[in-house]
Structure formats: structure tokens, C-alpha cells
Amino acid sequence: MHALSIPTWIIHVSSVIEWIVAIWLIWVYSGISQNPAWRYLAIAMLPLLVSAMCACTWHFFDNPLNLEWLVTLQAAMTVVGNSTVCAAAWWIWRSAKLTTPPNP
């Protein structure tokens, strides 16, 4: 755990916790608004959570070479997560466009 300073650890861990809370709040909002498109966003955020957890795990063990595959997994999950969040945002936009009546 010596790879990062205490303030940096606080930022890393709080970011993971914030991401979990954001996923949960979006999931709840989907139910309240009865718009399943928001639920897709919550699911689409999961690869980015995995990416953050890979980074924290690698740093927790002091960045050993035998866990370097975590860096590759983190990068892959970031690409997948950015793509899925983009698709979910498009889905939300599309569902809003379909349910909103046109302006006269």
C-alpha cells in the first residue's frame, strides 16, 4: 500500500464509493420515473466500476509485475465502459425523444 499516499487513497476509495452510489441512485430513479432506459445506464456503468476496482487492487498490492494484467483489464474495461455509457445515454435521449410530443 506504499505506492500511493493516504490522500490519494482517500480519493481512490471515495471515487469507487461515489460510483457505487451513483449506480444505485440511477437504478432507483429508473424505478421512480418508470423509464427503463435509465436502468440501462446503471448497468452500463458497471464496466467502469470494474476498471476503478482494478486500479485500486493493483495499487493496494504495490503495483507488482505479476498483477500487471490488471492494468490491461482496467484499460479494456474503460473502453468498454465508455462505449456502454455512450450507448445508454443515446438510449435515454432516444426514449425521451419518442415520448415527448413535438412542439407546434
PDB file of N, CA and C in Angstrom:
ATOM      1  N   MET A   1       0.815  -1.201   0.000  1.00  0.00           N
ATOM      2  CA  MET A   1       0.000   0.000   0.000  1.00  0.00           C
ATOM      3  C   MET A   1       0.853   1.257   0.000  1.00  0.00           C
ATOM      4  N   HIS A   2       2.141   1.113  -0.175  1.00  0.00           N
ATOM      5  CA  HIS A   2       3.034   2.259  -0.136  1.00  0.00           C
ATOM      6  C   HIS A   2       3.109   2.986  -1.471  1.00  0.00           C
ATOM      7  N   ALA A   3       2.457   2.444  -2.502  1.00  0.00           N
ATOM      8  CA  ALA A   3       2.539   3.040  -3.825  1.00  0.00           C
ATOM      9  C   ALA A   3       1.820   4.390  -3.885  1.00  0.00           C
ATOM     10  N   LEU A   4       0.820   4.572  -3.037  1.00  0.00           N
ATOM     11  CA  LEU A   4       0.051   5.817  -3.036  1.00  0.00           C
ATOM     12  C   LEU A   4       0.057   6.445  -1.653  1.00  0.00           C
ATOM     13  N   SER A   5      -0.067   7.749  -1.628  1.00  0.00           N
ATOM     14  CA  SER A   5      -0.156   8.457  -0.346  1.00  0.00           C
ATOM     15  C   SER A   5      -1.569   8.292   0.222  1.00  0.00           C
ATOM     16  N   ILE A   6      -1.723   8.599   1.498  1.00  0.00           N
ATOM     17  CA  ILE A   6      -3.033   8.492   2.153  1.00  0.00           C
ATOM     18  C   ILE A   6      -4.079   9.379   1.457  1.00  0.00           C
ATOM     19  N   PRO A   7      -3.772  10.646   1.138  1.00  0.00           N
ATOM     20  CA  PRO A   7      -4.776  11.451   0.432  1.00  0.00           C
ATOM     21  C   PRO A   7      -5.182  10.859  -0.921  1.00  0.00           C
ATOM     22  N   THR A   8      -4.215  10.284  -1.612  1.00  0.00           N
ATOM     23  CA  THR A   8      -4.539   9.657  -2.899  1.00  0.00           C
ATOM     24  C   THR A   8      -5.419   8.438  -2.690  1.00  0.00           C
ATOM     25  N   TRP A   9      -5.153   7.650  -1.650  1.00  0.00           N
ATOM     26  CA  TRP A   9      -6.011   6.506  -1.331  1.00  0.00           C
ATOM     27  C   TRP A   9      -7.428   6.967  -1.017  1.00  0.00           C
ATOM     28  N   ILE A  10      -7.539   8.058  -0.276  1.00  0.00           N
ATOM     29  CA  ILE A  10      -8.869   8.590   0.068  1.00  0.00           C
ATOM     30  C   ILE A  10      -9.631   8.943  -1.204  1.00  0.00           C
ATOM     31  N   ILE A  11      -8.957   9.563  -2.145  1.00  0.00           N
ATOM     32  CA  ILE A  11      -9.605   9.917  -3.413  1.00  0.00           C
ATOM     33  C   ILE A  11     -10.006   8.664  -4.186  1.00  0.00           C
ATOM     34  N   HIS A  12      -9.114   7.679  -4.261  1.00  0.00           N
ATOM     35  CA  HIS A  12      -9.427   6.438  -4.986  1.00  0.00           C
ATOM     36  C   HIS A  12     -10.632   5.724  -4.375  1.00  0.00           C
ATOM     37  N   VAL A  13     -10.600   5.524  -3.076  1.00  0.00           N
ATOM     38  CA  VAL A  13     -11.673   4.780  -2.415  1.00  0.00           C
ATOM     39  C   VAL A  13     -12.983   5.560  -2.453  1.00  0.00           C
ATOM     40  N   SER A  14     -12.929   6.861  -2.213  1.00  0.00           N
ATOM     41  CA  SER A  14     -14.166   7.644  -2.247  1.00  0.00           C
ATOM     42  C   SER A  14     -14.756   7.685  -3.657  1.00  0.00           C
ATOM     43  N   SER A  15     -13.908   7.674  -4.670  1.00  0.00           N
ATOM     44  CA  SER A  15     -14.414   7.647  -6.055  1.00  0.00           C
ATOM     45  C   SER A  15     -15.162   6.345  -6.346  1.00  0.00           C
ATOM     46  N   VAL A  16     -14.628   5.235  -5.864  1.00  0.00           N
ATOM     47  CA  VAL A  16     -15.307   3.946  -6.051  1.00  0.00           C
ATOM     48  C   VAL A  16     -16.650   3.951  -5.310  1.00  0.00           C
ATOM     49  N   ILE A  17     -16.653   4.462  -4.094  1.00  0.00           N
ATOM     50  CA  ILE A  17     -17.899   4.527  -3.321  1.00  0.00           C
ATOM     51  C   ILE A  17     -18.909   5.447  -4.008  1.00  0.00           C
ATOM     52  N   GLU A  18     -18.452   6.591  -4.492  1.00  0.00           N
ATOM     53  CA  GLU A  18     -19.343   7.515  -5.203  1.00  0.00           C
ATOM     54  C   GLU A  18     -19.931   6.858  -6.451  1.00  0.00           C
ATOM     55  N   TRP A  19     -19.119   6.092  -7.156  1.00  0.00           N
ATOM     56  CA  TRP A  19     -19.590   5.426  -8.370  1.00  0.00           C
ATOM     57  C   TRP A  19     -20.679   4.400  -8.027  1.00  0.00           C
ATOM     58  N   ILE A  20     -20.472   3.652  -6.935  1.00  0.00           N
ATOM     59  CA  ILE A  20     -21.473   2.674  -6.492  1.00  0.00           C
ATOM     60  C   ILE A  20     -22.771   3.386  -6.124  1.00  0.00           C
ATOM     61  N   VAL A  21     -22.667   4.491  -5.408  1.00  0.00           N
ATOM     62  CA  VAL A  21     -23.852   5.262  -5.018  1.00  0.00           C
ATOM     63  C   VAL A  21     -24.552   5.820  -6.255  1.00  0.00           C
ATOM     64  N   ALA A  22     -23.788   6.315  -7.221  1.00  0.00           N
ATOM     65  CA  ALA A  22     -24.387   6.850  -8.446  1.00  0.00           C
ATOM     66  C   ALA A  22     -25.142   5.766  -9.209  1.00  0.00           C
ATOM     67  N   ILE A  23     -24.567   4.583  -9.312  1.00  0.00           N
ATOM     68  CA  ILE A  23     -25.246   3.471  -9.989  1.00  0.00           C
ATOM     69  C   ILE A  23     -26.551   3.154  -9.280  1.00  0.00           C
ATOM     70  N   TRP A  24     -26.501   3.089  -7.958  1.00  0.00           N
ATOM     71  CA  TRP A  24     -27.701   2.770  -7.174  1.00  0.00           C
ATOM     72  C   TRP A  24     -28.759   3.869  -7.340  1.00  0.00           C
ATOM     73  N   LEU A  25     -28.362   5.145  -7.279  1.00  0.00           N
ATOM     74  CA  LEU A  25     -29.326   6.239  -7.422  1.00  0.00           C
ATOM     75  C   LEU A  25     -29.969   6.250  -8.806  1.00  0.00           C
ATOM     76  N   ILE A  26     -29.191   5.975  -9.830  1.00  0.00           N
ATOM     77  CA  ILE A  26     -29.750   5.914 -11.189  1.00  0.00           C
ATOM     78  C   ILE A  26     -30.733   4.757 -11.295  1.00  0.00           C
ATOM     79  N   TRP A  27     -30.408   3.625 -10.681  1.00  0.00           N
ATOM     80  CA  TRP A  27     -31.312   2.470 -10.680  1.00  0.00           C
ATOM     81  C   TRP A  27     -32.636   2.828  -9.995  1.00  0.00           C
ATOM     82  N   VAL A  28     -32.552   3.499  -8.860  1.00  0.00           N
ATOM     83  CA  VAL A  28     -33.757   3.921  -8.134  1.00  0.00           C
ATOM     84  C   VAL A  28     -34.551   4.922  -8.967  1.00  0.00           C
ATOM     85  N   TYR A  29     -33.857   5.890  -9.583  1.00  0.00           N
ATOM     86  CA  TYR A  29     -34.527   6.874 -10.422  1.00  0.00           C
ATOM     87  C   TYR A  29     -35.276   6.208 -11.577  1.00  0.00           C
ATOM     88  N   SER A  30     -34.688   5.161 -12.124  1.00  0.00           N
ATOM     89  CA  SER A  30     -35.351   4.424 -13.202  1.00  0.00           C
ATOM     90  C   SER A  30     -36.697   3.883 -12.743  1.00  0.00           C
ATOM     91  N   GLY A  31     -36.727   3.365 -11.531  1.00  0.00           N
ATOM     92  CA  GLY A  31     -37.985   2.845 -10.998  1.00  0.00           C
ATOM     93  C   GLY A  31     -38.987   3.941 -10.705  1.00  0.00           C
ATOM     94  N   ILE A  32     -38.518   5.050 -10.142  1.00  0.00           N
ATOM     95  CA  ILE A  32     -39.417   6.161  -9.808  1.00  0.00           C
ATOM     96  C   ILE A  32     -39.979   6.794 -11.070  1.00  0.00           C
ATOM     97  N   SER A  33     -39.140   6.997 -12.058  1.00  0.00           N
ATOM     98  CA  SER A  33     -39.582   7.628 -13.301  1.00  0.00           C
ATOM     99  C   SER A  33     -40.280   6.643 -14.239  1.00  0.00           C
ATOM    100  N   GLN A  34     -40.180   5.374 -13.917  1.00  0.00           N
ATOM    101  CA  GLN A  34     -40.729   4.294 -14.750  1.00  0.00           C
ATOM    102  C   GLN A  34     -40.213   4.380 -16.180  1.00  0.00           C
ATOM    103  N   ASN A  35     -38.939   4.709 -16.274  1.00  0.00           N
ATOM    104  CA  ASN A  35     -38.269   4.783 -17.567  1.00  0.00           C
ATOM    105  C   ASN A  35     -37.108   3.790 -17.540  1.00  0.00           C
ATOM    106  N   PRO A  36     -37.277   2.618 -18.161  1.00  0.00           N
ATOM    107  CA  PRO A  36     -36.238   1.587 -18.110  1.00  0.00           C
ATOM    108  C   PRO A  36     -34.936   1.994 -18.797  1.00  0.00           C
ATOM    109  N   ALA A  37     -34.964   3.022 -19.607  1.00  0.00           N
ATOM    110  CA  ALA A  37     -33.736   3.462 -20.270  1.00  0.00           C
ATOM    111  C   ALA A  37     -32.687   3.890 -19.243  1.00  0.00           C
ATOM    112  N   TRP A  38     -33.117   4.434 -18.116  1.00  0.00           N
ATOM    113  CA  TRP A  38     -32.173   4.826 -17.071  1.00  0.00           C
ATOM    114  C   TRP A  38     -31.534   3.609 -16.424  1.00  0.00           C
ATOM    115  N   ARG A  39     -32.266   2.512 -16.362  1.00  0.00           N
ATOM    116  CA  ARG A  39     -31.699   1.285 -15.802  1.00  0.00           C
ATOM    117  C   ARG A  39     -30.541   0.791 -16.664  1.00  0.00           C
ATOM    118  N   TYR A  40     -30.655   0.980 -17.977  1.00  0.00           N
ATOM    119  CA  TYR A  40     -29.558   0.605 -18.873  1.00  0.00           C
ATOM    120  C   TYR A  40     -28.304   1.412 -18.558  1.00  0.00           C
ATOM    121  N   LEU A  41     -28.479   2.674 -18.174  1.00  0.00           N
ATOM    122  CA  LEU A  41     -27.320   3.488 -17.808  1.00  0.00           C
ATOM    123  C   LEU A  41     -26.632   2.919 -16.569  1.00  0.00           C
ATOM    124  N   ALA A  42     -27.424   2.527 -15.578  1.00  0.00           N
ATOM    125  CA  ALA A  42     -26.839   1.951 -14.359  1.00  0.00           C
ATOM    126  C   ALA A  42     -26.037   0.690 -14.691  1.00  0.00           C
ATOM    127  N   ILE A  43     -26.584  -0.151 -15.543  1.00  0.00           N
ATOM    128  CA  ILE A  43     -25.877  -1.374 -15.942  1.00  0.00           C
ATOM    129  C   ILE A  43     -24.636  -1.032 -16.767  1.00  0.00           C
ATOM    130  N   ALA A  44     -24.766  -0.027 -17.632  1.00  0.00           N
ATOM    131  CA  ALA A  44     -23.648   0.379 -18.494  1.00  0.00           C
ATOM    132  C   ALA A  44     -22.486   0.947 -17.696  1.00  0.00           C
ATOM    133  N   MET A  45     -22.732   1.412 -16.483  1.00  0.00           N
ATOM    134  CA  MET A  45     -21.683   1.980 -15.642  1.00  0.00           C
ATOM    135  C   MET A  45     -20.827   0.910 -14.955  1.00  0.00           C
ATOM    136  N   LEU A  46     -21.292  -0.322 -14.937  1.00  0.00           N
ATOM    137  CA  LEU A  46     -20.582  -1.378 -14.220  1.00  0.00           C
ATOM    138  C   LEU A  46     -19.166  -1.649 -14.742  1.00  0.00           C
ATOM    139  N   PRO A  47     -18.921  -1.668 -16.068  1.00  0.00           N
ATOM    140  CA  PRO A  47     -17.527  -1.876 -16.506  1.00  0.00           C
ATOM    141  C   PRO A  47     -16.575  -0.793 -16.002  1.00  0.00           C
ATOM    142  N   LEU A  48     -17.053   0.431 -15.870  1.00  0.00           N
ATOM    143  CA  LEU A  48     -16.199   1.498 -15.353  1.00  0.00           C
ATOM    144  C   LEU A  48     -15.923   1.309 -13.864  1.00  0.00           C
ATOM    145  N   LEU A  49     -16.882   0.741 -13.148  1.00  0.00           N
ATOM    146  CA  LEU A  49     -16.651   0.396 -11.744  1.00  0.00           C
ATOM    147  C   LEU A  49     -15.583  -0.696 -11.640  1.00  0.00           C
ATOM    148  N   VAL A  50     -15.666  -1.682 -12.502  1.00  0.00           N
ATOM    149  CA  VAL A  50     -14.649  -2.747 -12.532  1.00  0.00           C
ATOM    150  C   VAL A  50     -13.280  -2.141 -12.835  1.00  0.00           C
ATOM    151  N   SER A  51     -13.230  -1.194 -13.751  1.00  0.00           N
ATOM    152  CA  SER A  51     -11.971  -0.525 -14.085  1.00  0.00           C
ATOM    153  C   SER A  51     -11.373   0.156 -12.861  1.00  0.00           C
ATOM    154  N   ALA A  52     -12.191   0.872 -12.124  1.00  0.00           N
ATOM    155  CA  ALA A  52     -11.707   1.561 -10.923  1.00  0.00           C
ATOM    156  C   ALA A  52     -11.233   0.558  -9.872  1.00  0.00           C
ATOM    157  N   MET A  53     -11.934  -0.545  -9.742  1.00  0.00           N
ATOM    158  CA  MET A  53     -11.548  -1.557  -8.763  1.00  0.00           C
ATOM    159  C   MET A  53     -10.236  -2.240  -9.163  1.00  0.00           C
ATOM    160  N   CYS A  54     -10.006  -2.396 -10.456  1.00  0.00           N
ATOM    161  CA  CYS A  54      -8.723  -2.946 -10.928  1.00  0.00           C
ATOM    162  C   CYS A  54      -7.574  -2.029 -10.520  1.00  0.00           C
ATOM    163  N   ALA A  55      -7.763  -0.727 -10.698  1.00  0.00           N
ATOM    164  CA  ALA A  55      -6.717   0.225 -10.337  1.00  0.00           C
ATOM    165  C   ALA A  55      -6.434   0.182  -8.843  1.00  0.00           C
ATOM    166  N   CYS A  56      -7.482   0.178  -8.049  1.00  0.00           N
ATOM    167  CA  CYS A  56      -7.299   0.134  -6.590  1.00  0.00           C
ATOM    168  C   CYS A  56      -6.610  -1.159  -6.152  1.00  0.00           C
ATOM    169  N   THR A  57      -6.995  -2.269  -6.769  1.00  0.00           N
ATOM    170  CA  THR A  57      -6.382  -3.557  -6.418  1.00  0.00           C
ATOM    171  C   THR A  57      -4.902  -3.564  -6.762  1.00  0.00           C
ATOM    172  N   TRP A  58      -4.558  -3.093  -7.937  1.00  0.00           N
ATOM    173  CA  TRP A  58      -3.164  -3.074  -8.359  1.00  0.00           C
ATOM    174  C   TRP A  58      -2.326  -2.205  -7.421  1.00  0.00           C
ATOM    175  N   HIS A  59      -2.844  -1.020  -7.083  1.00  0.00           N
ATOM    176  CA  HIS A  59      -2.126  -0.137  -6.170  1.00  0.00           C
ATOM    177  C   HIS A  59      -2.057  -0.717  -4.759  1.00  0.00           C
ATOM    178  N   PHE A  60      -3.113  -1.405  -4.330  1.00  0.00           N
ATOM    179  CA  PHE A  60      -3.133  -1.986  -2.984  1.00  0.00           C
ATOM    180  C   PHE A  60      -1.968  -2.948  -2.776  1.00  0.00           C
ATOM    181  N   PHE A  61      -1.642  -3.701  -3.824  1.00  0.00           N
ATOM    182  CA  PHE A  61      -0.537  -4.660  -3.740  1.00  0.00           C
ATOM    183  C   PHE A  61       0.787  -4.079  -4.214  1.00  0.00           C
ATOM    184  N   ASP A  62       0.911  -2.756  -4.217  1.00  0.00           N
ATOM    185  CA  ASP A  62       2.153  -2.046  -4.566  1.00  0.00           C
ATOM    186  C   ASP A  62       2.612  -2.273  -6.002  1.00  0.00           C
ATOM    187  N   ASN A  63       1.679  -2.331  -6.931  1.00  0.00           N
ATOM    188  CA  ASN A  63       1.967  -2.385  -8.366  1.00  0.00           C
ATOM    189  C   ASN A  63       2.934  -3.502  -8.775  1.00  0.00           C
ATOM    190  N   PRO A  64       2.691  -4.745  -8.344  1.00  0.00           N
ATOM    191  CA  PRO A  64       3.632  -5.818  -8.701  1.00  0.00           C
ATOM    192  C   PRO A  64       3.517  -6.204 -10.178  1.00  0.00           C
ATOM    193  N   LEU A  65       4.622  -6.671 -10.723  1.00  0.00           N
ATOM    194  CA  LEU A  65       4.632  -7.060 -12.139  1.00  0.00           C
ATOM    195  C   LEU A  65       3.732  -8.259 -12.412  1.00  0.00           C
ATOM    196  N   ASN A  66       3.573  -9.145 -11.424  1.00  0.00           N
ATOM    197  CA  ASN A  66       2.736 -10.322 -11.673  1.00  0.00           C
ATOM    198  C   ASN A  66       1.244  -9.968 -11.712  1.00  0.00           C
ATOM    199  N   LEU A  67       0.884  -8.761 -11.323  1.00  0.00           N
ATOM    200  CA  LEU A  67      -0.511  -8.310 -11.439  1.00  0.00           C
ATOM    201  C   LEU A  67      -0.682  -7.251 -12.528  1.00  0.00           C
ATOM    202  N   GLU A  68       0.299  -7.166 -13.397  1.00  0.00           N
ATOM    203  CA  GLU A  68       0.239  -6.158 -14.454  1.00  0.00           C
ATOM    204  C   GLU A  68      -0.952  -6.377 -15.400  1.00  0.00           C
ATOM    205  N   TRP A  69      -1.476  -7.589 -15.437  1.00  0.00           N
ATOM    206  CA  TRP A  69      -2.657  -7.864 -16.250  1.00  0.00           C
ATOM    207  C   TRP A  69      -3.854  -7.018 -15.784  1.00  0.00           C
ATOM    208  N   LEU A  70      -3.830  -6.577 -14.527  1.00  0.00           N
ATOM    209  CA  LEU A  70      -4.900  -5.707 -14.042  1.00  0.00           C
ATOM    210  C   LEU A  70      -4.912  -4.369 -14.775  1.00  0.00           C
ATOM    211  N   VAL A  71      -3.737  -3.903 -15.157  1.00  0.00           N
ATOM    212  CA  VAL A  71      -3.653  -2.644 -15.906  1.00  0.00           C
ATOM    213  C   VAL A  71      -4.312  -2.810 -17.272  1.00  0.00           C
ATOM    214  N   THR A  72      -4.046  -3.946 -17.903  1.00  0.00           N
ATOM    215  CA  THR A  72      -4.672  -4.231 -19.196  1.00  0.00           C
ATOM    216  C   THR A  72      -6.180  -4.376 -19.047  1.00  0.00           C
ATOM    217  N   LEU A  73      -6.606  -5.086 -18.006  1.00  0.00           N
ATOM    218  CA  LEU A  73      -8.039  -5.238 -17.752  1.00  0.00           C
ATOM    219  C   LEU A  73      -8.685  -3.887 -17.463  1.00  0.00           C
ATOM    220  N   GLN A  74      -7.997  -3.031 -16.712  1.00  0.00           N
ATOM    221  CA  GLN A  74      -8.524  -1.705 -16.425  1.00  0.00           C
ATOM    222  C   GLN A  74      -8.712  -0.913 -17.715  1.00  0.00           C
ATOM    223  N   ALA A  75      -7.730  -0.947 -18.578  1.00  0.00           N
ATOM    224  CA  ALA A  75      -7.828  -0.220 -19.846  1.00  0.00           C
ATOM    225  C   ALA A  75      -8.982  -0.760 -20.692  1.00  0.00           C
ATOM    226  N   ALA A  76      -9.106  -2.074 -20.759  1.00  0.00           N
ATOM    227  CA  ALA A  76     -10.188  -2.684 -21.539  1.00  0.00           C
ATOM    228  C   ALA A  76     -11.552  -2.320 -20.965  1.00  0.00           C
ATOM    229  N   MET A  77     -11.678  -2.367 -19.645  1.00  0.00           N
ATOM    230  CA  MET A  77     -12.955  -2.032 -19.009  1.00  0.00           C
ATOM    231  C   MET A  77     -13.297  -0.547 -19.183  1.00  0.00           C
ATOM    232  N   THR A  78     -12.271   0.294 -19.255  1.00  0.00           N
ATOM    233  CA  THR A  78     -12.517   1.718 -19.509  1.00  0.00           C
ATOM    234  C   THR A  78     -13.079   1.921 -20.905  1.00  0.00           C
ATOM    235  N   VAL A  79     -12.512   1.242 -21.886  1.00  0.00           N
ATOM    236  CA  VAL A  79     -13.021   1.352 -23.264  1.00  0.00           C
ATOM    237  C   VAL A  79     -14.442   0.803 -23.348  1.00  0.00           C
ATOM    238  N   VAL A  80     -14.655  -0.380 -22.778  1.00  0.00           N
ATOM    239  CA  VAL A  80     -15.989  -0.984 -22.802  1.00  0.00           C
ATOM    240  C   VAL A  80     -16.980  -0.090 -22.057  1.00  0.00           C
ATOM    241  N   GLY A  81     -16.585   0.387 -20.886  1.00  0.00           N
ATOM    242  CA  GLY A  81     -17.469   1.235 -20.083  1.00  0.00           C
ATOM    243  C   GLY A  81     -17.821   2.542 -20.760  1.00  0.00           C
ATOM    244  N   ASN A  82     -16.838   3.194 -21.359  1.00  0.00           N
ATOM    245  CA  ASN A  82     -17.135   4.435 -22.081  1.00  0.00           C
ATOM    246  C   ASN A  82     -18.101   4.181 -23.236  1.00  0.00           C
ATOM    247  N   SER A  83     -17.923   3.063 -23.905  1.00  0.00           N
ATOM    248  CA  SER A  83     -18.820   2.720 -25.020  1.00  0.00           C
ATOM    249  C   SER A  83     -20.229   2.409 -24.537  1.00  0.00           C
ATOM    250  N   THR A  84     -20.336   1.649 -23.444  1.00  0.00           N
ATOM    251  CA  THR A  84     -21.673   1.292 -22.956  1.00  0.00           C
ATOM    252  C   THR A  84     -22.394   2.494 -22.356  1.00  0.00           C
ATOM    253  N   VAL A  85     -21.666   3.372 -21.682  1.00  0.00           N
ATOM    254  CA  VAL A  85     -22.299   4.581 -21.137  1.00  0.00           C
ATOM    255  C   VAL A  85     -22.753   5.485 -22.283  1.00  0.00           C
ATOM    256  N   CYS A  86     -21.963   5.580 -23.335  1.00  0.00           N
ATOM    257  CA  CYS A  86     -22.363   6.360 -24.514  1.00  0.00           C
ATOM    258  C   CYS A  86     -23.636   5.785 -25.126  1.00  0.00           C
ATOM    259  N   ALA A  87     -23.679   4.470 -25.275  1.00  0.00           N
ATOM    260  CA  ALA A  87     -24.871   3.822 -25.841  1.00  0.00           C
ATOM    261  C   ALA A  87     -26.086   4.023 -24.934  1.00  0.00           C
ATOM    262  N   ALA A  88     -25.890   3.936 -23.634  1.00  0.00           N
ATOM    263  CA  ALA A  88     -27.004   4.133 -22.699  1.00  0.00           C
ATOM    264  C   ALA A  88     -27.504   5.572 -22.746  1.00  0.00           C
ATOM    265  N   ALA A  89     -26.595   6.532 -22.853  1.00  0.00           N
ATOM    266  CA  ALA A  89     -27.003   7.935 -22.965  1.00  0.00           C
ATOM    267  C   ALA A  89     -27.809   8.154 -24.241  1.00  0.00           C
ATOM    268  N   TRP A  90     -27.358   7.537 -25.320  1.00  0.00           N
ATOM    269  CA  TRP A  90     -28.112   7.628 -26.575  1.00  0.00           C
ATOM    270  C   TRP A  90     -29.495   7.011 -26.379  1.00  0.00           C
ATOM    271  N   TRP A  91     -29.585   5.890 -25.679  1.00  0.00           N
ATOM    272  CA  TRP A  91     -30.860   5.214 -25.447  1.00  0.00           C
ATOM    273  C   TRP A  91     -31.808   6.110 -24.638  1.00  0.00           C
ATOM    274  N   ILE A  92     -31.270   6.779 -23.633  1.00  0.00           N
ATOM    275  CA  ILE A  92     -32.081   7.707 -22.832  1.00  0.00           C
ATOM    276  C   ILE A  92     -32.575   8.861 -23.710  1.00  0.00           C
ATOM    277  N   TRP A  93     -31.694   9.425 -24.520  1.00  0.00           N
ATOM    278  CA  TRP A  93     -32.063  10.511 -25.426  1.00  0.00           C
ATOM    279  C   TRP A  93     -33.148  10.053 -26.398  1.00  0.00           C
ATOM    280  N   ARG A  94     -32.971   8.853 -26.936  1.00  0.00           N
ATOM    281  CA  ARG A  94     -33.933   8.311 -27.899  1.00  0.00           C
ATOM    282  C   ARG A  94     -35.290   8.079 -27.246  1.00  0.00           C
ATOM    283  N   SER A  95     -35.290   7.530 -26.039  1.00  0.00           N
ATOM    284  CA  SER A  95     -36.563   7.260 -25.365  1.00  0.00           C
ATOM    285  C   SER A  95     -37.274   8.563 -25.005  1.00  0.00           C
ATOM    286  N   ALA A  96     -36.508   9.601 -24.643  1.00  0.00           N
ATOM    287  CA  ALA A  96     -37.119  10.901 -24.345  1.00  0.00           C
ATOM    288  C   ALA A  96     -37.690  11.529 -25.618  1.00  0.00           C
ATOM    289  N   LYS A  97     -36.983  11.365 -26.701  1.00  0.00           N
ATOM    290  CA  LYS A  97     -37.428  11.920 -27.983  1.00  0.00           C
ATOM    291  C   LYS A  97     -38.711  11.241 -28.458  1.00  0.00           C
ATOM    292  N   LEU A  98     -38.829   9.926 -28.224  1.00  0.00           N
ATOM    293  CA  LEU A  98     -40.000   9.182 -28.647  1.00  0.00           C
ATOM    294  C   LEU A  98     -41.227   9.468 -27.789  1.00  0.00           C
ATOM    295  N   THR A  99     -41.012   9.810 -26.513  1.00  0.00           N
ATOM    296  CA  THR A  99     -42.144  10.034 -25.615  1.00  0.00           C
ATOM    297  C   THR A  99     -42.559  11.493 -25.504  1.00  0.00           C
ATOM    298  N   THR A 100     -41.722  12.413 -25.986  1.00  0.00           N
ATOM    299  CA  THR A 100     -42.045  13.823 -25.929  1.00  0.00           C
ATOM    300  C   THR A 100     -42.799  14.240 -27.192  1.00  0.00           C
ATOM    301  N   PRO A 101     -43.985  14.849 -27.021  1.00  0.00           N
ATOM    302  CA  PRO A 101     -44.710  15.290 -28.219  1.00  0.00           C
ATOM    303  C   PRO A 101     -43.960  16.442 -28.900  1.00  0.00           C
ATOM    304  N   PRO A 102     -44.055  16.525 -30.209  1.00  0.00           N
ATOM    305  CA  PRO A 102     -43.357  17.613 -30.929  1.00  0.00           C
ATOM    306  C   PRO A 102     -43.978  18.972 -30.611  1.00  0.00           C
ATOM    307  N   ASN A 103     -43.152  20.006 -30.643  1.00  0.00           N
ATOM    308  CA  ASN A 103     -43.645  21.370 -30.425  1.00  0.00           C
ATOM    309  C   ASN A 103     -44.336  21.872 -31.685  1.00  0.00           C
ATOM    310  N   PRO A 104     -45.459  22.582 -31.497  1.00  0.00           N
ATOM    311  CA  PRO A 104     -46.157  23.114 -32.691  1.00  0.00           C
ATOM    312  C   PRO A 104     -45.439  24.275 -33.310  1.00  0.00           C
TER     313      PRO A 104
END
